[in-house]
């Protein structure tokens, strides 16, 4: 019998993820009001099937090694959620894209690749086999749906996130907040604004290095 068989290998919540139609408000609430720093972001352009829009996936540090994450999809209109019961997603129309549904998920953290693969073995032997195994920028994850239809992710870090990546994440989110109020904004607009911020802040970074 495998020595990992039956062991509890998950070490906590890696992140819980939700879509947002108001990234600027989301950043103000979690970063500026509650004080949760931005610690990672992914700019995904041309990702997924043909109809999948470009998106930003960004993360806040909520303490204890846990993170709260949001997806912002470029060009996606906000649905009417003024009627119906349940939470915000429960009031979305039936034609809500599947990729939007899957942006709401729970990610559980494991410390090692062998632990992730052990959970893959357990799931594949069950009624809920793994549906995807994906390597992202710094993590590798497996995904399935639980009996309630909720997406569950089990993830492990492939390497530590560097301070430079934290800096890049904050540049990305500051650029997103700056352009999100412009009608018809796109991923290209975000990247242009990010480049402007890099030029604007280069002097500050150089000065900080000189005075260390």
N, C-alpha and C. Protein backbone atom coordinates (compact mmCIF):
# COMPACT_ATOMS: atom_id res chain seq x y z
N UNK A 1 0.85 -1.20 0.00
CA UNK A 1 0.00 0.00 0.00
C UNK A 1 0.88 1.25 0.00
N UNK A 2 0.49 2.25 -0.76
CA UNK A 2 1.23 3.51 -0.82
C UNK A 2 1.31 4.12 0.57
N UNK A 3 2.52 4.62 0.95
CA UNK A 3 2.69 5.18 2.29
C UNK A 3 1.87 6.44 2.52
N UNK A 4 1.39 7.09 1.44
CA UNK A 4 0.56 8.28 1.58
C UNK A 4 -0.92 7.95 1.66
N UNK A 5 -1.27 6.71 1.43
CA UNK A 5 -2.67 6.31 1.38
C UNK A 5 -3.38 6.66 2.68
N UNK A 6 -4.46 7.43 2.56
CA UNK A 6 -5.27 7.77 3.72
C UNK A 6 -4.77 8.93 4.54
N UNK A 7 -3.58 9.45 4.26
CA UNK A 7 -3.05 10.56 5.05
C UNK A 7 -3.71 11.88 4.69
N UNK A 8 -3.81 12.75 5.67
CA UNK A 8 -4.31 14.12 5.46
C UNK A 8 -3.12 14.97 5.03
N UNK A 9 -3.11 15.39 3.77
CA UNK A 9 -1.95 16.07 3.20
C UNK A 9 -2.19 17.55 2.92
N UNK A 10 -3.44 18.00 2.92
CA UNK A 10 -3.74 19.42 2.67
C UNK A 10 -3.31 20.24 3.88
N UNK A 11 -2.67 21.39 3.64
CA UNK A 11 -2.18 22.23 4.73
C UNK A 11 -2.99 23.51 4.92
N UNK A 12 -4.08 23.67 4.20
CA UNK A 12 -4.93 24.84 4.38
C UNK A 12 -5.48 25.34 3.07
N UNK A 13 -6.15 26.48 3.13
CA UNK A 13 -6.71 27.10 1.94
C UNK A 13 -5.61 27.88 1.22
N UNK A 14 -5.31 27.51 -0.02
CA UNK A 14 -4.36 28.30 -0.81
C UNK A 14 -5.02 29.61 -1.23
N UNK A 15 -6.22 29.51 -1.85
CA UNK A 15 -6.99 30.71 -2.16
C UNK A 15 -8.43 30.34 -2.46
N UNK A 16 -9.32 31.28 -2.20
CA UNK A 16 -10.69 31.22 -2.68
C UNK A 16 -10.81 32.27 -3.77
N UNK A 17 -11.49 31.93 -4.88
CA UNK A 17 -11.48 32.81 -6.05
C UNK A 17 -12.89 33.15 -6.51
N UNK A 18 -13.07 34.40 -6.95
CA UNK A 18 -14.36 34.90 -7.38
C UNK A 18 -14.18 35.86 -8.56
N UNK A 19 -15.18 35.99 -9.42
CA UNK A 19 -15.13 37.02 -10.46
C UNK A 19 -15.49 38.38 -9.88
N UNK A 20 -15.03 39.44 -10.53
CA UNK A 20 -15.42 40.80 -10.14
C UNK A 20 -15.73 41.62 -11.37
N UNK A 21 -16.75 42.47 -11.26
CA UNK A 21 -17.04 43.46 -12.30
C UNK A 21 -16.57 44.85 -11.88
N UNK A 22 -16.01 44.95 -10.68
CA UNK A 22 -15.53 46.24 -10.17
C UNK A 22 -14.14 46.04 -9.57
N UNK A 23 -13.11 45.86 -10.41
CA UNK A 23 -11.77 45.62 -9.85
C UNK A 23 -11.23 46.80 -9.06
N UNK A 24 -11.55 48.03 -9.49
CA UNK A 24 -11.06 49.19 -8.75
C UNK A 24 -11.64 49.22 -7.34
N UNK A 25 -12.95 48.98 -7.23
CA UNK A 25 -13.58 48.92 -5.91
C UNK A 25 -13.06 47.76 -5.09
N UNK A 26 -12.81 46.64 -5.75
CA UNK A 26 -12.28 45.46 -5.06
C UNK A 26 -10.91 45.76 -4.47
N UNK A 27 -10.05 46.44 -5.25
CA UNK A 27 -8.72 46.81 -4.75
C UNK A 27 -8.84 47.80 -3.60
N UNK A 28 -9.72 48.79 -3.74
CA UNK A 28 -9.89 49.76 -2.65
C UNK A 28 -10.34 49.06 -1.36
N UNK A 29 -11.28 48.13 -1.49
CA UNK A 29 -11.84 47.48 -0.31
C UNK A 29 -10.80 46.59 0.38
N UNK A 30 -10.18 45.70 -0.40
CA UNK A 30 -9.30 44.71 0.22
C UNK A 30 -7.90 45.24 0.50
N UNK A 31 -7.34 46.04 -0.43
CA UNK A 31 -5.98 46.54 -0.22
C UNK A 31 -5.96 47.81 0.61
N UNK A 32 -6.80 48.80 0.21
CA UNK A 32 -6.69 50.13 0.82
C UNK A 32 -7.45 50.24 2.13
N UNK A 33 -8.60 49.56 2.24
CA UNK A 33 -9.39 49.65 3.48
C UNK A 33 -8.97 48.58 4.47
N UNK A 34 -8.94 47.31 4.04
CA UNK A 34 -8.63 46.22 4.96
C UNK A 34 -7.14 45.99 5.12
N UNK A 35 -6.33 46.52 4.20
CA UNK A 35 -4.88 46.40 4.34
C UNK A 35 -4.31 45.07 3.89
N UNK A 36 -5.00 44.36 2.98
CA UNK A 36 -4.48 43.11 2.45
C UNK A 36 -3.62 43.40 1.22
N UNK A 37 -2.32 43.17 1.27
CA UNK A 37 -1.47 43.54 0.13
C UNK A 37 -1.70 42.66 -1.09
N UNK A 38 -1.52 43.26 -2.26
CA UNK A 38 -1.52 42.49 -3.51
C UNK A 38 -0.22 41.70 -3.57
N UNK A 39 -0.30 40.39 -3.78
CA UNK A 39 0.90 39.56 -3.75
C UNK A 39 1.15 38.80 -5.04
N UNK A 40 0.20 38.78 -5.95
CA UNK A 40 0.43 38.07 -7.20
C UNK A 40 -0.64 38.50 -8.19
N UNK A 41 -0.29 38.48 -9.46
CA UNK A 41 -1.29 38.73 -10.50
C UNK A 41 -0.86 38.00 -11.76
N UNK A 42 -1.83 37.59 -12.56
CA UNK A 42 -1.59 36.91 -13.82
C UNK A 42 -2.33 37.68 -14.91
N UNK A 43 -1.63 38.11 -15.93
CA UNK A 43 -2.24 38.74 -17.10
C UNK A 43 -2.42 37.65 -18.16
N UNK A 44 -3.64 37.24 -18.40
CA UNK A 44 -3.90 36.14 -19.33
C UNK A 44 -4.52 36.68 -20.61
N UNK A 45 -3.72 36.72 -21.66
CA UNK A 45 -4.19 37.18 -22.97
C UNK A 45 -4.20 36.01 -23.94
N UNK A 46 -5.30 35.86 -24.67
CA UNK A 46 -5.40 34.77 -25.63
C UNK A 46 -5.44 33.42 -24.98
N UNK A 47 -5.99 33.34 -23.78
CA UNK A 47 -6.02 32.09 -23.02
C UNK A 47 -7.36 31.39 -23.20
N UNK A 48 -7.35 30.08 -23.21
CA UNK A 48 -8.59 29.32 -23.23
C UNK A 48 -9.20 29.21 -24.61
N UNK A 49 -10.45 28.76 -24.69
CA UNK A 49 -11.12 28.60 -25.99
C UNK A 49 -11.34 29.94 -26.68
N UNK A 50 -11.74 29.88 -27.95
CA UNK A 50 -11.82 31.08 -28.78
C UNK A 50 -12.67 32.21 -28.22
N UNK A 51 -13.73 31.88 -27.52
CA UNK A 51 -14.64 32.91 -27.00
C UNK A 51 -14.21 33.42 -25.63
N UNK A 52 -13.13 32.91 -25.08
CA UNK A 52 -12.70 33.30 -23.74
C UNK A 52 -12.02 34.67 -23.80
N UNK A 53 -12.48 35.65 -23.00
CA UNK A 53 -11.87 36.98 -23.05
C UNK A 53 -10.53 37.02 -22.32
N UNK A 54 -9.73 38.05 -22.61
CA UNK A 54 -8.54 38.31 -21.81
C UNK A 54 -8.96 38.61 -20.38
N UNK A 55 -8.09 38.26 -19.43
CA UNK A 55 -8.47 38.52 -18.03
C UNK A 55 -7.24 38.75 -17.17
N UNK A 56 -7.49 39.36 -16.01
CA UNK A 56 -6.51 39.53 -14.94
C UNK A 56 -6.96 38.67 -13.77
N UNK A 57 -6.04 37.88 -13.24
CA UNK A 57 -6.32 37.08 -12.04
C UNK A 57 -5.39 37.62 -10.96
N UNK A 58 -5.95 38.23 -9.90
CA UNK A 58 -5.10 38.88 -8.91
C UNK A 58 -5.43 38.43 -7.50
N UNK A 59 -4.39 38.46 -6.64
CA UNK A 59 -4.44 37.82 -5.33
C UNK A 59 -4.10 38.81 -4.22
N UNK A 60 -4.82 38.70 -3.10
CA UNK A 60 -4.52 39.45 -1.89
C UNK A 60 -4.05 38.48 -0.80
N UNK A 61 -3.05 38.91 -0.02
CA UNK A 61 -2.59 38.15 1.14
C UNK A 61 -3.56 38.42 2.30
N UNK A 62 -4.25 37.37 2.76
CA UNK A 62 -5.21 37.56 3.86
C UNK A 62 -4.69 36.97 5.17
N UNK A 63 -3.39 36.64 5.21
CA UNK A 63 -2.77 36.16 6.43
C UNK A 63 -2.73 34.65 6.53
N UNK A 64 -1.81 34.16 7.34
CA UNK A 64 -1.73 32.72 7.58
C UNK A 64 -1.33 31.92 6.37
N UNK A 65 -0.72 32.57 5.38
CA UNK A 65 -0.37 31.89 4.15
C UNK A 65 -1.52 31.72 3.18
N UNK A 66 -2.68 32.29 3.49
CA UNK A 66 -3.87 32.16 2.66
C UNK A 66 -4.05 33.40 1.80
N UNK A 67 -4.76 33.22 0.68
CA UNK A 67 -4.97 34.32 -0.26
C UNK A 67 -6.42 34.35 -0.73
N UNK A 68 -6.86 35.53 -1.12
CA UNK A 68 -8.16 35.74 -1.72
C UNK A 68 -7.92 36.25 -3.13
N UNK A 69 -8.57 35.63 -4.12
CA UNK A 69 -8.27 35.95 -5.52
C UNK A 69 -9.52 36.37 -6.27
N UNK A 70 -9.32 37.19 -7.31
CA UNK A 70 -10.42 37.66 -8.15
C UNK A 70 -10.02 37.57 -9.61
N UNK A 71 -11.02 37.37 -10.46
CA UNK A 71 -10.86 37.41 -11.91
C UNK A 71 -11.59 38.64 -12.44
N UNK A 72 -10.90 39.42 -13.29
CA UNK A 72 -11.56 40.50 -14.02
C UNK A 72 -11.44 40.20 -15.50
N UNK A 73 -12.60 40.09 -16.18
CA UNK A 73 -12.65 39.74 -17.59
C UNK A 73 -12.89 40.99 -18.44
N UNK A 74 -11.99 41.27 -19.39
CA UNK A 74 -12.12 42.44 -20.24
C UNK A 74 -13.29 42.28 -21.20
N UNK A 75 -14.14 43.33 -21.25
CA UNK A 75 -15.24 43.37 -22.20
C UNK A 75 -16.47 42.58 -21.81
N UNK A 76 -16.49 41.99 -20.63
CA UNK A 76 -17.64 41.20 -20.20
C UNK A 76 -18.64 42.11 -19.51
N UNK A 77 -19.87 42.16 -20.02
CA UNK A 77 -20.90 43.02 -19.44
C UNK A 77 -21.41 42.45 -18.13
N UNK A 78 -21.70 43.33 -17.20
CA UNK A 78 -22.24 42.90 -15.91
C UNK A 78 -23.67 42.39 -16.10
N UNK A 79 -23.98 41.19 -15.65
CA UNK A 79 -25.34 40.67 -15.79
C UNK A 79 -26.29 41.32 -14.79
N UNK A 80 -27.57 41.19 -15.04
CA UNK A 80 -28.59 41.71 -14.13
C UNK A 80 -28.75 40.74 -12.97
N UNK A 81 -28.33 41.16 -11.78
CA UNK A 81 -28.46 40.32 -10.59
C UNK A 81 -29.44 40.92 -9.59
N UNK A 82 -30.38 41.71 -10.11
CA UNK A 82 -31.29 42.43 -9.22
C UNK A 82 -32.42 41.55 -8.69
N UNK A 83 -32.64 40.38 -9.30
CA UNK A 83 -33.71 39.50 -8.84
C UNK A 83 -33.16 38.13 -8.53
N UNK A 84 -33.92 37.36 -7.78
CA UNK A 84 -33.53 36.00 -7.46
C UNK A 84 -32.98 35.88 -6.06
N UNK A 85 -32.88 34.63 -5.61
CA UNK A 85 -32.40 34.34 -4.27
C UNK A 85 -30.95 33.86 -4.32
N UNK A 86 -30.32 33.77 -3.16
CA UNK A 86 -28.97 33.25 -3.10
C UNK A 86 -27.93 34.34 -3.27
N UNK A 87 -26.67 33.90 -3.42
CA UNK A 87 -25.59 34.86 -3.54
C UNK A 87 -25.56 35.45 -4.95
N UNK A 88 -24.57 36.27 -5.22
CA UNK A 88 -24.51 36.98 -6.49
C UNK A 88 -24.49 36.02 -7.67
N UNK A 89 -23.66 34.97 -7.60
CA UNK A 89 -23.60 34.05 -8.73
C UNK A 89 -24.93 33.34 -8.93
N UNK A 90 -25.61 32.99 -7.85
CA UNK A 90 -26.87 32.24 -7.96
C UNK A 90 -27.92 33.03 -8.73
N UNK A 91 -27.74 34.34 -8.86
CA UNK A 91 -28.71 35.16 -9.57
C UNK A 91 -28.29 35.42 -11.01
N UNK A 92 -27.19 34.84 -11.47
CA UNK A 92 -26.76 35.05 -12.84
C UNK A 92 -27.66 34.28 -13.81
N UNK A 93 -27.80 34.75 -15.04
CA UNK A 93 -28.65 34.07 -16.02
C UNK A 93 -28.12 32.68 -16.35
N UNK A 94 -29.01 31.86 -16.90
CA UNK A 94 -28.64 30.49 -17.24
C UNK A 94 -27.57 30.42 -18.32
N UNK A 95 -27.46 31.46 -19.16
CA UNK A 95 -26.48 31.42 -20.24
C UNK A 95 -25.12 31.99 -19.82
N UNK A 96 -24.88 32.12 -18.50
CA UNK A 96 -23.58 32.55 -18.02
C UNK A 96 -22.50 31.59 -18.51
N UNK A 97 -21.40 32.08 -19.10
CA UNK A 97 -20.37 31.18 -19.64
C UNK A 97 -19.80 30.25 -18.59
N UNK A 98 -19.47 29.04 -19.01
CA UNK A 98 -18.94 28.04 -18.09
C UNK A 98 -17.64 28.49 -17.45
N UNK A 99 -16.78 29.19 -18.22
CA UNK A 99 -15.52 29.64 -17.64
C UNK A 99 -15.74 30.66 -16.54
N UNK A 100 -16.86 31.40 -16.61
CA UNK A 100 -17.17 32.35 -15.55
C UNK A 100 -17.61 31.61 -14.30
N UNK A 101 -18.40 30.56 -14.50
CA UNK A 101 -18.82 29.74 -13.37
C UNK A 101 -17.59 29.18 -12.65
N UNK A 102 -16.62 28.72 -13.42
CA UNK A 102 -15.45 28.07 -12.84
C UNK A 102 -14.50 29.05 -12.17
N UNK A 103 -14.69 30.34 -12.40
CA UNK A 103 -13.82 31.29 -11.71
C UNK A 103 -14.11 31.33 -10.21
N UNK A 104 -15.28 30.85 -9.81
CA UNK A 104 -15.61 30.72 -8.38
C UNK A 104 -15.17 29.34 -7.94
N UNK A 105 -14.12 29.27 -7.13
CA UNK A 105 -13.62 27.96 -6.72
C UNK A 105 -12.87 28.07 -5.40
N UNK A 106 -12.66 26.92 -4.79
CA UNK A 106 -11.87 26.82 -3.57
C UNK A 106 -10.58 26.09 -3.92
N UNK A 107 -9.43 26.70 -3.56
CA UNK A 107 -8.13 26.07 -3.83
C UNK A 107 -7.49 25.66 -2.50
N UNK A 108 -7.17 24.37 -2.39
CA UNK A 108 -6.54 23.83 -1.19
C UNK A 108 -5.06 23.60 -1.46
N UNK A 109 -4.23 23.91 -0.45
CA UNK A 109 -2.78 23.87 -0.64
C UNK A 109 -2.18 22.57 -0.11
N UNK A 110 -1.24 22.02 -0.90
CA UNK A 110 -0.39 20.93 -0.42
C UNK A 110 1.06 21.35 -0.59
N UNK A 111 1.95 20.70 0.15
CA UNK A 111 3.34 21.14 0.19
C UNK A 111 4.23 20.52 -0.89
N UNK A 112 3.80 19.43 -1.50
CA UNK A 112 4.71 18.72 -2.40
C UNK A 112 3.96 18.15 -3.59
N UNK A 113 4.68 17.95 -4.68
CA UNK A 113 4.09 17.37 -5.88
C UNK A 113 3.52 15.99 -5.61
N UNK A 114 4.23 15.18 -4.80
CA UNK A 114 3.74 13.84 -4.52
C UNK A 114 2.41 13.87 -3.77
N UNK A 115 2.20 14.90 -2.96
CA UNK A 115 0.93 15.03 -2.25
C UNK A 115 -0.20 15.38 -3.21
N UNK A 116 0.09 16.30 -4.15
CA UNK A 116 -0.92 16.63 -5.16
C UNK A 116 -1.27 15.40 -5.98
N UNK A 117 -0.27 14.65 -6.37
CA UNK A 117 -0.51 13.46 -7.19
C UNK A 117 -1.24 12.37 -6.40
N UNK A 118 -1.01 12.33 -5.08
CA UNK A 118 -1.76 11.38 -4.26
C UNK A 118 -3.25 11.73 -4.27
N UNK A 119 -3.57 13.02 -4.20
CA UNK A 119 -4.98 13.41 -4.28
C UNK A 119 -5.52 13.15 -5.68
N UNK A 120 -4.69 13.30 -6.68
CA UNK A 120 -5.14 12.93 -8.03
C UNK A 120 -5.50 11.45 -8.08
N UNK A 121 -4.66 10.61 -7.47
CA UNK A 121 -4.94 9.17 -7.45
C UNK A 121 -6.27 8.88 -6.76
N UNK A 122 -6.49 9.52 -5.63
CA UNK A 122 -7.72 9.29 -4.87
C UNK A 122 -8.95 9.74 -5.68
N UNK A 123 -8.84 10.92 -6.29
CA UNK A 123 -9.97 11.43 -7.06
C UNK A 123 -10.25 10.56 -8.29
N UNK A 124 -9.19 10.18 -8.99
CA UNK A 124 -9.37 9.39 -10.20
C UNK A 124 -9.97 8.02 -9.92
N UNK A 125 -9.82 7.57 -8.69
CA UNK A 125 -10.41 6.28 -8.29
C UNK A 125 -11.82 6.45 -7.73
N UNK A 126 -12.32 7.69 -7.74
CA UNK A 126 -13.63 7.97 -7.14
C UNK A 126 -14.65 8.33 -8.21
N UNK A 127 -15.82 8.79 -7.76
CA UNK A 127 -16.86 9.27 -8.67
C UNK A 127 -16.54 10.65 -9.24
N UNK A 128 -15.50 11.29 -8.72
CA UNK A 128 -15.18 12.66 -9.12
C UNK A 128 -13.74 12.75 -9.60
N UNK A 129 -13.43 12.15 -10.76
CA UNK A 129 -12.05 12.15 -11.26
C UNK A 129 -11.58 13.56 -11.60
N UNK A 130 -10.27 13.72 -11.64
CA UNK A 130 -9.66 15.00 -12.00
C UNK A 130 -10.05 15.37 -13.43
N UNK A 131 -10.47 16.61 -13.60
CA UNK A 131 -10.90 17.10 -14.91
C UNK A 131 -9.78 17.86 -15.63
N UNK A 132 -8.89 18.48 -14.88
CA UNK A 132 -7.77 19.23 -15.47
C UNK A 132 -6.57 19.14 -14.55
N UNK A 133 -5.38 19.13 -15.14
CA UNK A 133 -4.13 19.33 -14.41
C UNK A 133 -3.35 20.38 -15.17
N UNK A 134 -3.09 21.52 -14.51
CA UNK A 134 -2.56 22.69 -15.21
C UNK A 134 -1.37 23.27 -14.44
N UNK A 135 -0.32 23.63 -15.16
CA UNK A 135 0.77 24.41 -14.59
C UNK A 135 0.54 25.88 -14.93
N UNK A 136 0.40 26.71 -13.87
CA UNK A 136 0.26 28.14 -14.04
C UNK A 136 1.66 28.77 -13.96
N UNK A 137 1.73 30.04 -13.62
CA UNK A 137 3.04 30.69 -13.60
C UNK A 137 3.93 30.15 -12.50
N UNK A 138 3.40 29.98 -11.31
CA UNK A 138 4.23 29.54 -10.18
C UNK A 138 3.65 28.32 -9.47
N UNK A 139 2.51 27.83 -9.91
CA UNK A 139 1.86 26.72 -9.22
C UNK A 139 1.42 25.65 -10.23
N UNK A 140 1.17 24.46 -9.72
CA UNK A 140 0.55 23.40 -10.49
C UNK A 140 -0.68 22.94 -9.74
N UNK A 141 -1.77 22.69 -10.47
CA UNK A 141 -3.04 22.41 -9.83
C UNK A 141 -3.79 21.29 -10.54
N UNK A 142 -4.60 20.58 -9.76
CA UNK A 142 -5.60 19.67 -10.31
C UNK A 142 -6.98 20.20 -9.93
N UNK A 143 -7.97 19.89 -10.77
CA UNK A 143 -9.31 20.43 -10.58
C UNK A 143 -10.35 19.32 -10.75
N UNK A 144 -11.40 19.44 -9.96
CA UNK A 144 -12.58 18.60 -10.16
C UNK A 144 -13.78 19.37 -9.62
N UNK A 145 -14.98 18.80 -9.77
CA UNK A 145 -16.17 19.37 -9.18
C UNK A 145 -16.67 18.46 -8.07
N UNK A 146 -17.07 19.06 -6.95
CA UNK A 146 -17.58 18.25 -5.85
C UNK A 146 -19.02 17.83 -6.14
N UNK A 147 -19.66 17.04 -5.27
CA UNK A 147 -21.03 16.57 -5.54
C UNK A 147 -22.06 17.68 -5.67
N UNK A 148 -21.73 18.89 -5.16
CA UNK A 148 -22.65 20.03 -5.25
C UNK A 148 -22.46 20.83 -6.53
N UNK A 149 -21.45 20.48 -7.32
CA UNK A 149 -21.15 21.23 -8.53
C UNK A 149 -20.15 22.34 -8.33
N UNK A 150 -19.55 22.46 -7.11
CA UNK A 150 -18.55 23.50 -6.87
C UNK A 150 -17.19 23.01 -7.35
N UNK A 151 -16.43 23.91 -8.00
CA UNK A 151 -15.09 23.54 -8.43
C UNK A 151 -14.13 23.57 -7.25
N UNK A 152 -13.32 22.52 -7.13
CA UNK A 152 -12.30 22.40 -6.08
C UNK A 152 -10.95 22.22 -6.76
N UNK A 153 -9.98 22.99 -6.32
CA UNK A 153 -8.61 22.94 -6.84
C UNK A 153 -7.68 22.47 -5.72
N UNK A 154 -6.75 21.60 -6.04
CA UNK A 154 -5.67 21.24 -5.12
C UNK A 154 -4.38 21.67 -5.79
N UNK A 155 -3.61 22.51 -5.10
CA UNK A 155 -2.49 23.20 -5.74
C UNK A 155 -1.23 23.11 -4.91
N UNK A 156 -0.09 23.14 -5.61
CA UNK A 156 1.21 23.16 -4.94
C UNK A 156 2.09 24.17 -5.64
N UNK A 157 2.97 24.80 -4.88
CA UNK A 157 3.88 25.80 -5.44
C UNK A 157 5.02 25.10 -6.15
N UNK A 158 5.33 25.51 -7.38
CA UNK A 158 6.47 24.97 -8.10
C UNK A 158 7.76 25.69 -7.70
N UNK A 159 7.63 26.92 -7.23
CA UNK A 159 8.76 27.70 -6.75
C UNK A 159 8.22 28.87 -5.94
N UNK A 160 9.04 29.49 -5.11
CA UNK A 160 8.57 30.67 -4.36
C UNK A 160 8.29 31.84 -5.30
N UNK A 161 7.34 32.69 -4.91
CA UNK A 161 7.11 33.94 -5.62
C UNK A 161 8.17 34.94 -5.16
N UNK A 162 8.82 35.61 -6.11
CA UNK A 162 9.92 36.52 -5.78
C UNK A 162 9.41 37.92 -5.44
N UNK A 163 10.21 38.72 -4.73
CA UNK A 163 9.83 40.12 -4.49
C UNK A 163 9.60 40.88 -5.79
N UNK A 164 10.35 40.55 -6.84
CA UNK A 164 10.16 41.22 -8.12
C UNK A 164 8.77 40.92 -8.69
N UNK A 165 8.29 39.70 -8.50
CA UNK A 165 6.95 39.35 -8.97
C UNK A 165 5.88 40.06 -8.15
N UNK A 166 6.11 40.24 -6.85
CA UNK A 166 5.18 41.02 -6.04
C UNK A 166 5.11 42.46 -6.55
N UNK A 167 6.27 43.03 -6.89
CA UNK A 167 6.31 44.38 -7.44
C UNK A 167 5.54 44.45 -8.75
N UNK A 168 5.75 43.45 -9.61
CA UNK A 168 5.05 43.41 -10.90
C UNK A 168 3.55 43.30 -10.69
N UNK A 169 3.12 42.50 -9.70
CA UNK A 169 1.70 42.36 -9.42
C UNK A 169 1.08 43.68 -9.03
N UNK A 170 1.79 44.45 -8.21
CA UNK A 170 1.25 45.74 -7.79
C UNK A 170 1.20 46.73 -8.94
N UNK A 171 2.19 46.69 -9.84
CA UNK A 171 2.13 47.52 -11.04
C UNK A 171 0.92 47.16 -11.89
N UNK A 172 0.69 45.87 -12.05
CA UNK A 172 -0.45 45.41 -12.85
C UNK A 172 -1.76 45.90 -12.27
N UNK A 173 -1.93 45.76 -10.97
CA UNK A 173 -3.21 46.13 -10.35
C UNK A 173 -3.38 47.65 -10.33
N UNK A 174 -2.32 48.39 -10.09
CA UNK A 174 -2.43 49.86 -10.17
C UNK A 174 -2.82 50.29 -11.58
N UNK A 175 -2.24 49.65 -12.60
CA UNK A 175 -2.60 49.98 -13.99
C UNK A 175 -4.05 49.62 -14.27
N UNK A 176 -4.50 48.47 -13.77
CA UNK A 176 -5.89 48.06 -13.97
C UNK A 176 -6.85 49.06 -13.34
N UNK A 177 -6.56 49.49 -12.12
CA UNK A 177 -7.41 50.47 -11.44
C UNK A 177 -7.46 51.77 -12.24
N UNK A 178 -6.34 52.16 -12.85
CA UNK A 178 -6.29 53.40 -13.61
C UNK A 178 -7.12 53.36 -14.89
N UNK A 179 -7.18 52.19 -15.56
CA UNK A 179 -7.82 52.15 -16.88
C UNK A 179 -9.24 51.60 -16.86
N UNK A 180 -9.66 51.04 -15.73
CA UNK A 180 -10.93 50.32 -15.74
C UNK A 180 -12.13 51.24 -15.94
N UNK A 181 -11.97 52.52 -15.66
CA UNK A 181 -13.07 53.46 -15.87
C UNK A 181 -13.22 53.93 -17.30
N UNK A 182 -12.30 53.53 -18.19
CA UNK A 182 -12.35 53.95 -19.59
C UNK A 182 -13.22 52.98 -20.38
N UNK A 183 -14.28 53.46 -21.06
CA UNK A 183 -15.14 52.55 -21.82
C UNK A 183 -14.34 51.76 -22.86
N UNK A 184 -14.65 50.48 -22.96
CA UNK A 184 -14.01 49.64 -23.97
C UNK A 184 -12.57 49.29 -23.69
N UNK A 185 -12.11 49.43 -22.46
CA UNK A 185 -10.71 49.14 -22.14
C UNK A 185 -10.39 47.67 -22.40
N UNK A 186 -9.12 47.43 -22.74
CA UNK A 186 -8.66 46.10 -23.12
C UNK A 186 -7.37 45.77 -22.38
N UNK A 187 -6.92 44.53 -22.59
CA UNK A 187 -5.63 44.12 -22.03
C UNK A 187 -4.51 45.02 -22.56
N UNK A 188 -4.59 45.42 -23.83
CA UNK A 188 -3.56 46.30 -24.39
C UNK A 188 -3.49 47.62 -23.64
N UNK A 189 -4.66 48.17 -23.29
CA UNK A 189 -4.68 49.42 -22.53
C UNK A 189 -3.98 49.24 -21.18
N UNK A 190 -4.23 48.11 -20.54
CA UNK A 190 -3.59 47.83 -19.26
C UNK A 190 -2.08 47.77 -19.40
N UNK A 191 -1.58 47.09 -20.44
CA UNK A 191 -0.14 46.94 -20.63
C UNK A 191 0.53 48.27 -20.95
N UNK A 192 -0.16 49.13 -21.71
CA UNK A 192 0.38 50.45 -22.01
C UNK A 192 0.49 51.27 -20.72
N UNK A 193 -0.57 51.24 -19.91
CA UNK A 193 -0.55 52.00 -18.64
C UNK A 193 0.50 51.44 -17.69
N UNK A 194 0.67 50.14 -17.69
CA UNK A 194 1.70 49.52 -16.84
C UNK A 194 3.09 50.00 -17.26
N UNK A 195 3.33 50.08 -18.56
CA UNK A 195 4.62 50.58 -19.04
C UNK A 195 4.84 52.03 -18.62
N UNK A 196 3.78 52.84 -18.65
CA UNK A 196 3.88 54.23 -18.22
C UNK A 196 4.24 54.31 -16.73
N UNK A 197 3.65 53.43 -15.93
CA UNK A 197 3.94 53.43 -14.49
C UNK A 197 5.38 53.00 -14.23
N UNK A 198 5.88 52.05 -15.02
CA UNK A 198 7.27 51.62 -14.85
C UNK A 198 8.21 52.79 -15.10
N UNK A 199 7.97 53.54 -16.19
CA UNK A 199 8.80 54.71 -16.50
C UNK A 199 8.68 55.75 -15.39
N UNK A 200 7.46 55.97 -14.93
CA UNK A 200 7.22 56.98 -13.90
C UNK A 200 7.92 56.65 -12.59
N UNK A 201 7.96 55.36 -12.24
CA UNK A 201 8.50 54.96 -10.94
C UNK A 201 9.96 54.53 -10.98
N UNK A 202 10.55 54.51 -12.17
CA UNK A 202 11.94 54.04 -12.31
C UNK A 202 12.89 54.86 -11.45
N UNK A 203 12.68 56.16 -11.40
CA UNK A 203 13.54 57.02 -10.60
C UNK A 203 13.46 56.69 -9.12
N UNK A 204 12.26 56.42 -8.64
CA UNK A 204 12.08 56.08 -7.23
C UNK A 204 12.81 54.78 -6.90
N UNK A 205 12.71 53.79 -7.80
CA UNK A 205 13.38 52.52 -7.55
C UNK A 205 14.89 52.67 -7.56
N UNK A 206 15.40 53.47 -8.49
CA UNK A 206 16.85 53.69 -8.55
C UNK A 206 17.35 54.37 -7.28
N UNK A 207 16.58 55.36 -6.82
CA UNK A 207 16.96 56.06 -5.59
C UNK A 207 16.94 55.11 -4.40
N UNK A 208 15.94 54.24 -4.34
CA UNK A 208 15.85 53.29 -3.23
C UNK A 208 17.04 52.33 -3.21
N UNK A 209 17.50 51.93 -4.42
CA UNK A 209 18.66 51.04 -4.50
C UNK A 209 19.92 51.75 -4.04
N UNK A 210 20.04 53.04 -4.39
CA UNK A 210 21.23 53.79 -4.04
C UNK A 210 21.35 54.04 -2.53
N UNK A 211 20.21 54.12 -1.86
CA UNK A 211 20.21 54.44 -0.43
C UNK A 211 20.13 53.22 0.46
N UNK A 212 20.18 52.04 -0.12
CA UNK A 212 20.13 50.80 0.69
C UNK A 212 21.45 50.57 1.41
